[in-house]
Amino acid sequence: MTEIPKLITLEMSNVRVPDIEMYDQESRYLLMSDAGGSTLKAAYRNPDIDVRDLGRQLGQWLAMLHHLTKRTNIGEGGNGVGRAMCRWSYSHAAEAAEMYGLDPAICRDVDEKYGGMLQTDDDCVCHGDFWPGNVVMSAKGVLSIVDWEMCRRGNGATDVGQFAAEAYLLDAFCGNRSLRQAFLQGYYSKMLELGLDCAQDRDFVERVVIHTGVHLSYWPTVVRWTDKEQTRTMMEGWHQTMREAASGNPPPLLD
């Protein structure tokens, strides 16, 4: 975490990682600088906030994180605990499907194939829990990325997929302010500047779609966004999207 500001702060002046004021390794006590009083999730409905612009900035920042940390060492195993925690939704999506009366087969297939990849992915540093609830906003509009305990070596598509999934839920149930589309466009445009056309990279798009689908097939059954019937309908739709992605036909990243 101490390396991230050195890598990205100069590139993205409005998105930052809080400064570490003190860390006691024996007691595992971490004191960071104040980042603000609200998260992006909490502020999503605020009409005075340009949600699309914030989404675009966050997408660009995440692209820089993934691009600049291809060779960054974060310790032996790349944080095995973080890898295991990332697989939680993959391992439990089938159970959620059965609870909602859906065929769990696609969830089991996805866990076997893509969940297994999480243990060996080693492309870059991933935040590991990148979503609007871990973006803290200051009164001046500075965005701070917090909660790095699940940071790991992995595939950047998982960070993109998780934020896209949570942005999908905010857009669907809290005002449709196009956070998901702006975030994906920001990530795509920055990667394109860096010479990587990730929106046309079938493997990358496939992983983003799968991770988004897994997230939306499990977490809305834990954290309630709507009634059970609407949740079931949403899960059913993403199950079909995962089937398409797993068969080599993922929808376009910016669709």
Protein backbone atom coordinates (compact mmCIF):
# COMPACT_ATOMS: atom_id res chain seq x y z
CA MET A 1 0.00 0.00 0.00
CA THR A 2 2.89 2.37 0.70
CA GLU A 3 4.06 1.92 -2.90
CA ILE A 4 0.76 2.82 -4.58
CA PRO A 5 0.87 6.61 -3.97
CA LYS A 6 4.36 6.76 -5.49
CA LEU A 7 3.10 4.95 -8.58
CA ILE A 8 -0.17 6.73 -9.24
CA THR A 9 -0.56 10.02 -7.33
CA LEU A 10 1.18 12.10 -9.96
CA GLU A 11 -0.93 10.56 -12.70
CA MET A 12 -4.32 10.91 -11.00
CA SER A 13 -4.32 13.96 -8.73
CA ASN A 14 -8.00 13.69 -7.70
CA VAL A 15 -7.88 9.98 -6.77
CA ARG A 16 -5.51 8.91 -4.06
CA VAL A 17 -4.62 6.44 -1.35
CA PRO A 18 -4.72 7.85 2.21
CA ASP A 19 -1.34 8.55 3.77
CA ILE A 20 -0.16 6.05 6.36
CA GLU A 21 0.50 7.97 9.59
CA MET A 22 1.53 4.97 11.68
CA TYR A 23 1.63 1.18 11.51
CA ASP A 24 2.41 -1.11 14.44
CA GLN A 25 3.19 -4.52 12.99
CA GLU A 26 2.99 -6.35 16.31
CA SER A 27 -0.53 -5.17 17.11
CA ARG A 28 -1.53 -4.81 13.44
CA TYR A 29 -2.67 -1.26 14.16
CA LEU A 30 -2.86 1.06 11.14
CA LEU A 31 -3.53 4.80 11.36
CA MET A 32 -4.24 6.63 8.10
CA SER A 33 -4.94 10.24 7.20
CA ASP A 34 -8.55 11.45 7.13
CA ALA A 35 -10.15 10.78 3.75
CA GLY A 36 -13.57 12.37 4.22
CA GLY A 37 -17.01 11.73 5.61
CA SER A 38 -18.91 9.92 2.86
CA THR A 39 -18.47 7.03 0.47
CA LEU A 40 -19.37 7.15 -3.20
CA LYS A 41 -22.09 4.58 -2.52
CA ALA A 42 -23.68 6.82 0.12
CA ALA A 43 -23.35 9.92 -2.06
CA TYR A 44 -24.66 8.32 -5.26
CA ARG A 45 -28.08 9.99 -5.05
CA ASN A 46 -26.66 13.45 -4.31
CA PRO A 47 -27.67 15.63 -7.31
CA ASP A 48 -24.72 17.96 -6.70
CA ILE A 49 -22.24 15.19 -7.47
CA ASP A 50 -21.24 14.37 -11.05
CA VAL A 51 -21.41 10.59 -10.72
CA ARG A 52 -20.34 9.97 -14.31
CA ASP A 53 -17.20 12.08 -13.94
CA LEU A 54 -16.27 10.31 -10.70
CA GLY A 55 -16.83 6.94 -12.33
CA ARG A 56 -14.60 7.91 -15.23
CA GLN A 57 -11.83 9.07 -12.88
CA LEU A 58 -12.00 5.85 -10.88
CA GLY A 59 -11.83 3.74 -14.02
CA GLN A 60 -8.74 5.63 -15.16
CA TRP A 61 -7.10 5.31 -11.75
CA LEU A 62 -7.73 1.57 -11.63
CA ALA A 63 -6.27 1.16 -15.11
CA MET A 64 -3.10 2.91 -13.94
CA LEU A 65 -2.91 0.68 -10.87
CA HIS A 66 -3.09 -2.44 -13.01
CA HIS A 67 -0.71 -1.12 -15.65
CA LEU A 68 1.99 0.10 -13.26
CA THR A 69 2.07 -2.93 -10.95
CA LYS A 70 2.72 -5.75 -13.38
CA ARG A 71 6.02 -6.47 -11.63
CA THR A 72 5.22 -5.20 -8.13
CA ASN A 73 6.02 -7.76 -5.42
CA ILE A 74 3.58 -7.78 -2.49
CA GLY A 75 5.08 -10.77 -0.70
CA GLU A 76 5.25 -14.51 -1.03
CA GLY A 77 2.16 -16.01 -2.64
CA GLY A 78 0.72 -12.64 -3.63
CA ASN A 79 -1.54 -12.69 -0.52
CA GLY A 80 -3.05 -16.16 -0.40
CA VAL A 81 -5.71 -15.01 2.07
CA GLY A 82 -6.86 -12.34 -0.36
CA ARG A 83 -7.02 -14.92 -3.15
CA ALA A 84 -9.14 -17.23 -1.01
CA MET A 85 -11.53 -14.44 0.02
CA CYS A 86 -11.97 -13.38 -3.60
CA ARG A 87 -13.28 -16.86 -4.38
CA TRP A 88 -15.99 -16.73 -1.71
CA SER A 89 -18.76 -15.61 -4.07
CA TYR A 90 -17.70 -18.20 -6.67
CA SER A 91 -17.90 -20.96 -4.07
CA HIS A 92 -21.32 -19.88 -2.80
CA ALA A 93 -23.15 -18.76 -5.95
CA ALA A 94 -24.57 -22.24 -6.62
CA GLU A 95 -26.02 -22.37 -3.13
CA ALA A 96 -27.62 -18.96 -3.68
CA ALA A 97 -29.07 -20.15 -7.00
CA GLU A 98 -30.71 -23.15 -5.35
CA MET A 99 -32.09 -20.94 -2.58
CA TYR A 100 -33.80 -18.82 -5.26
CA GLY A 101 -35.07 -21.79 -7.25
CA LEU A 102 -32.58 -21.48 -10.10
CA ASP A 103 -30.46 -24.11 -11.83
CA PRO A 104 -27.05 -23.95 -10.11
CA ALA A 105 -25.14 -25.71 -12.93
CA ILE A 106 -23.62 -22.57 -14.49
CA CYS A 107 -22.47 -21.36 -11.06
CA ARG A 108 -20.73 -24.67 -10.38
CA ASP A 109 -19.11 -24.65 -13.82
CA VAL A 110 -17.91 -21.08 -13.35
CA ASP A 111 -16.48 -21.83 -9.91
CA GLU A 112 -14.61 -24.84 -11.22
CA LYS A 113 -13.08 -23.02 -14.19
CA TYR A 114 -12.78 -19.36 -13.26
CA GLY A 115 -12.74 -19.70 -9.48
CA GLY A 116 -9.71 -21.94 -9.85
CA MET A 117 -7.93 -19.27 -11.88
CA LEU A 118 -8.07 -16.87 -8.94
CA GLN A 119 -5.50 -18.99 -7.12
CA THR A 120 -2.88 -18.62 -9.86
CA ASP A 121 -3.63 -15.28 -11.59
CA ASP A 122 -0.50 -13.12 -11.41
CA ASP A 123 -0.89 -10.26 -13.91
CA CYS A 124 -0.79 -7.23 -11.62
CA VAL A 125 -1.68 -5.89 -8.18
CA CYS A 126 -5.45 -5.95 -7.57
CA HIS A 127 -7.15 -3.91 -4.88
CA GLY A 128 -9.29 -6.96 -4.12
CA ASP A 129 -12.40 -5.17 -2.86
CA PHE A 130 -12.86 -2.32 -5.30
CA TRP A 131 -16.40 -0.96 -5.07
CA PRO A 132 -18.14 2.40 -4.39
CA GLY A 133 -18.29 1.66 -0.65
CA ASN A 134 -14.48 1.70 -0.51
CA VAL A 135 -14.21 5.06 -2.25
CA VAL A 136 -14.28 7.83 0.37
CA MET A 137 -15.03 11.41 -0.69
CA SER A 138 -13.70 14.57 0.92
CA ALA A 139 -15.58 17.87 1.03
CA LYS A 140 -13.35 19.08 -1.82
CA GLY A 141 -14.23 16.10 -3.99
CA VAL A 142 -10.99 14.17 -3.56
CA LEU A 143 -11.53 10.41 -3.82
CA SER A 144 -9.57 8.10 -1.51
CA ILE A 145 -9.33 4.36 -2.08
CA VAL A 146 -9.52 2.51 1.26
CA ASP A 147 -9.69 -1.04 2.68
CA TRP A 148 -6.65 -2.69 1.13
CA GLU A 149 -6.60 -5.83 3.28
CA MET A 150 -7.65 -8.03 0.33
CA CYS A 151 -5.02 -6.59 -2.00
CA ARG A 152 -3.37 -9.40 -3.95
CA ARG A 153 -1.57 -10.36 -7.12
CA GLY A 154 -4.23 -11.33 -9.64
CA ASN A 155 -6.12 -10.49 -12.81
CA GLY A 156 -7.28 -6.89 -13.10
CA ALA A 157 -10.55 -8.02 -14.66
CA THR A 158 -11.74 -9.04 -11.18
CA ASP A 159 -11.40 -5.47 -9.84
CA VAL A 160 -13.20 -4.17 -12.93
CA GLY A 161 -15.93 -6.80 -12.59
CA GLN A 162 -16.58 -6.12 -8.91
CA PHE A 163 -16.90 -2.36 -9.32
CA ALA A 164 -19.02 -2.83 -12.44
CA ALA A 165 -21.35 -5.16 -10.53
CA GLU A 166 -21.85 -2.79 -7.62
CA ALA A 167 -22.26 0.15 -10.02
CA TYR A 168 -24.88 -1.91 -11.87
CA LEU A 169 -26.84 -2.27 -8.62
CA LEU A 170 -26.63 1.45 -7.85
CA ASP A 171 -27.72 2.34 -11.38
CA ALA A 172 -30.56 -0.19 -11.30
CA PHE A 173 -32.00 0.64 -7.89
CA CYS A 174 -30.80 4.11 -6.89
CA GLY A 175 -31.37 6.43 -9.84
CA ASN A 176 -29.72 5.16 -13.03
CA ARG A 177 -26.91 7.74 -13.14
CA SER A 178 -24.72 5.62 -15.47
CA LEU A 179 -21.90 5.00 -13.01
CA ARG A 180 -21.15 1.58 -14.49
CA GLN A 181 -20.86 2.82 -18.06
CA ALA A 182 -18.69 5.80 -17.08
CA PHE A 183 -16.37 3.63 -14.99
CA LEU A 184 -15.90 1.08 -17.77
CA GLN A 185 -15.35 3.85 -20.31
CA GLY A 186 -12.73 5.44 -18.04
CA TYR A 187 -10.89 2.15 -17.61
CA TYR A 188 -11.09 1.33 -21.31
CA SER A 189 -9.94 4.79 -22.48
CA LYS A 190 -6.95 4.86 -20.13
CA MET A 191 -5.86 1.37 -21.13
CA LEU A 192 -6.20 2.41 -24.76
CA GLU A 193 -3.90 5.37 -24.08
CA LEU A 194 -1.42 2.89 -22.65
CA GLY A 195 -1.59 0.78 -25.80
CA LEU A 196 -3.91 -1.96 -24.52
CA ASP A 197 -7.27 -2.34 -26.23
CA CYS A 198 -8.84 -4.32 -23.40
CA ALA A 199 -12.37 -3.80 -24.72
CA GLN A 200 -11.39 -5.93 -27.72
CA ASP A 201 -9.47 -8.50 -25.67
CA ARG A 202 -11.89 -11.44 -25.59
CA ASP A 203 -10.21 -13.14 -22.62
CA PHE A 204 -10.25 -9.94 -20.56
CA VAL A 205 -13.88 -9.16 -21.41
CA GLU A 206 -14.82 -12.75 -20.60
CA ARG A 207 -13.24 -12.50 -17.14
CA VAL A 208 -14.91 -9.13 -16.45
CA VAL A 209 -18.33 -10.47 -17.44
CA ILE A 210 -17.88 -13.67 -15.44
CA HIS A 211 -16.76 -11.82 -12.31
CA THR A 212 -19.62 -9.33 -12.64
CA GLY A 213 -22.08 -12.19 -13.08
CA VAL A 214 -20.76 -14.14 -10.11
CA HIS A 215 -20.94 -11.06 -7.90
CA LEU A 216 -24.53 -10.37 -8.95
CA SER A 217 -25.45 -14.03 -8.55
CA TYR A 218 -24.43 -14.07 -4.90
CA TRP A 219 -24.08 -10.77 -3.07
CA PRO A 220 -27.63 -9.42 -3.70
CA THR A 221 -28.87 -12.50 -1.83
CA VAL A 222 -26.81 -11.36 1.17
CA VAL A 223 -27.21 -7.58 0.96
CA ARG A 224 -30.78 -6.75 -0.02
CA TRP A 225 -31.36 -4.30 -2.87
CA THR A 226 -34.91 -5.20 -3.89
CA ASP A 227 -37.56 -7.85 -3.29
CA LYS A 228 -36.91 -11.56 -3.75
CA GLU A 229 -38.68 -11.84 -7.13
CA GLN A 230 -36.70 -8.99 -8.69
CA THR A 231 -33.50 -10.41 -7.22
CA ARG A 232 -34.29 -13.80 -8.74
CA THR A 233 -35.00 -12.23 -12.14
CA MET A 234 -31.71 -10.34 -12.03
CA MET A 235 -29.78 -13.47 -11.06
CA GLU A 236 -31.44 -15.47 -13.83
CA GLY A 237 -30.40 -12.86 -16.40
CA TRP A 238 -26.79 -12.86 -15.25
CA HIS A 239 -26.72 -16.66 -15.23
CA GLN A 240 -27.56 -16.53 -18.93
CA THR A 241 -24.90 -13.86 -19.51
CA MET A 242 -22.33 -16.07 -17.78
CA ARG A 243 -23.33 -19.02 -19.98
CA GLU A 244 -22.68 -16.88 -23.05
CA ALA A 245 -19.35 -15.63 -21.72
CA ALA A 246 -18.21 -19.11 -20.68
CA SER A 247 -19.00 -20.40 -24.17
CA GLY A 248 -16.71 -17.78 -25.70
CA ASN A 249 -19.33 -15.16 -26.57
CA PRO A 250 -19.17 -12.48 -23.87
CA PRO A 251 -21.15 -9.28 -24.52
CA PRO A 252 -19.06 -6.20 -25.38
CA LEU A 253 -17.33 -4.60 -22.41
CA LEU A 254 -19.07 -1.27 -23.01
CA ASP A 255 -22.47 -2.69 -23.96
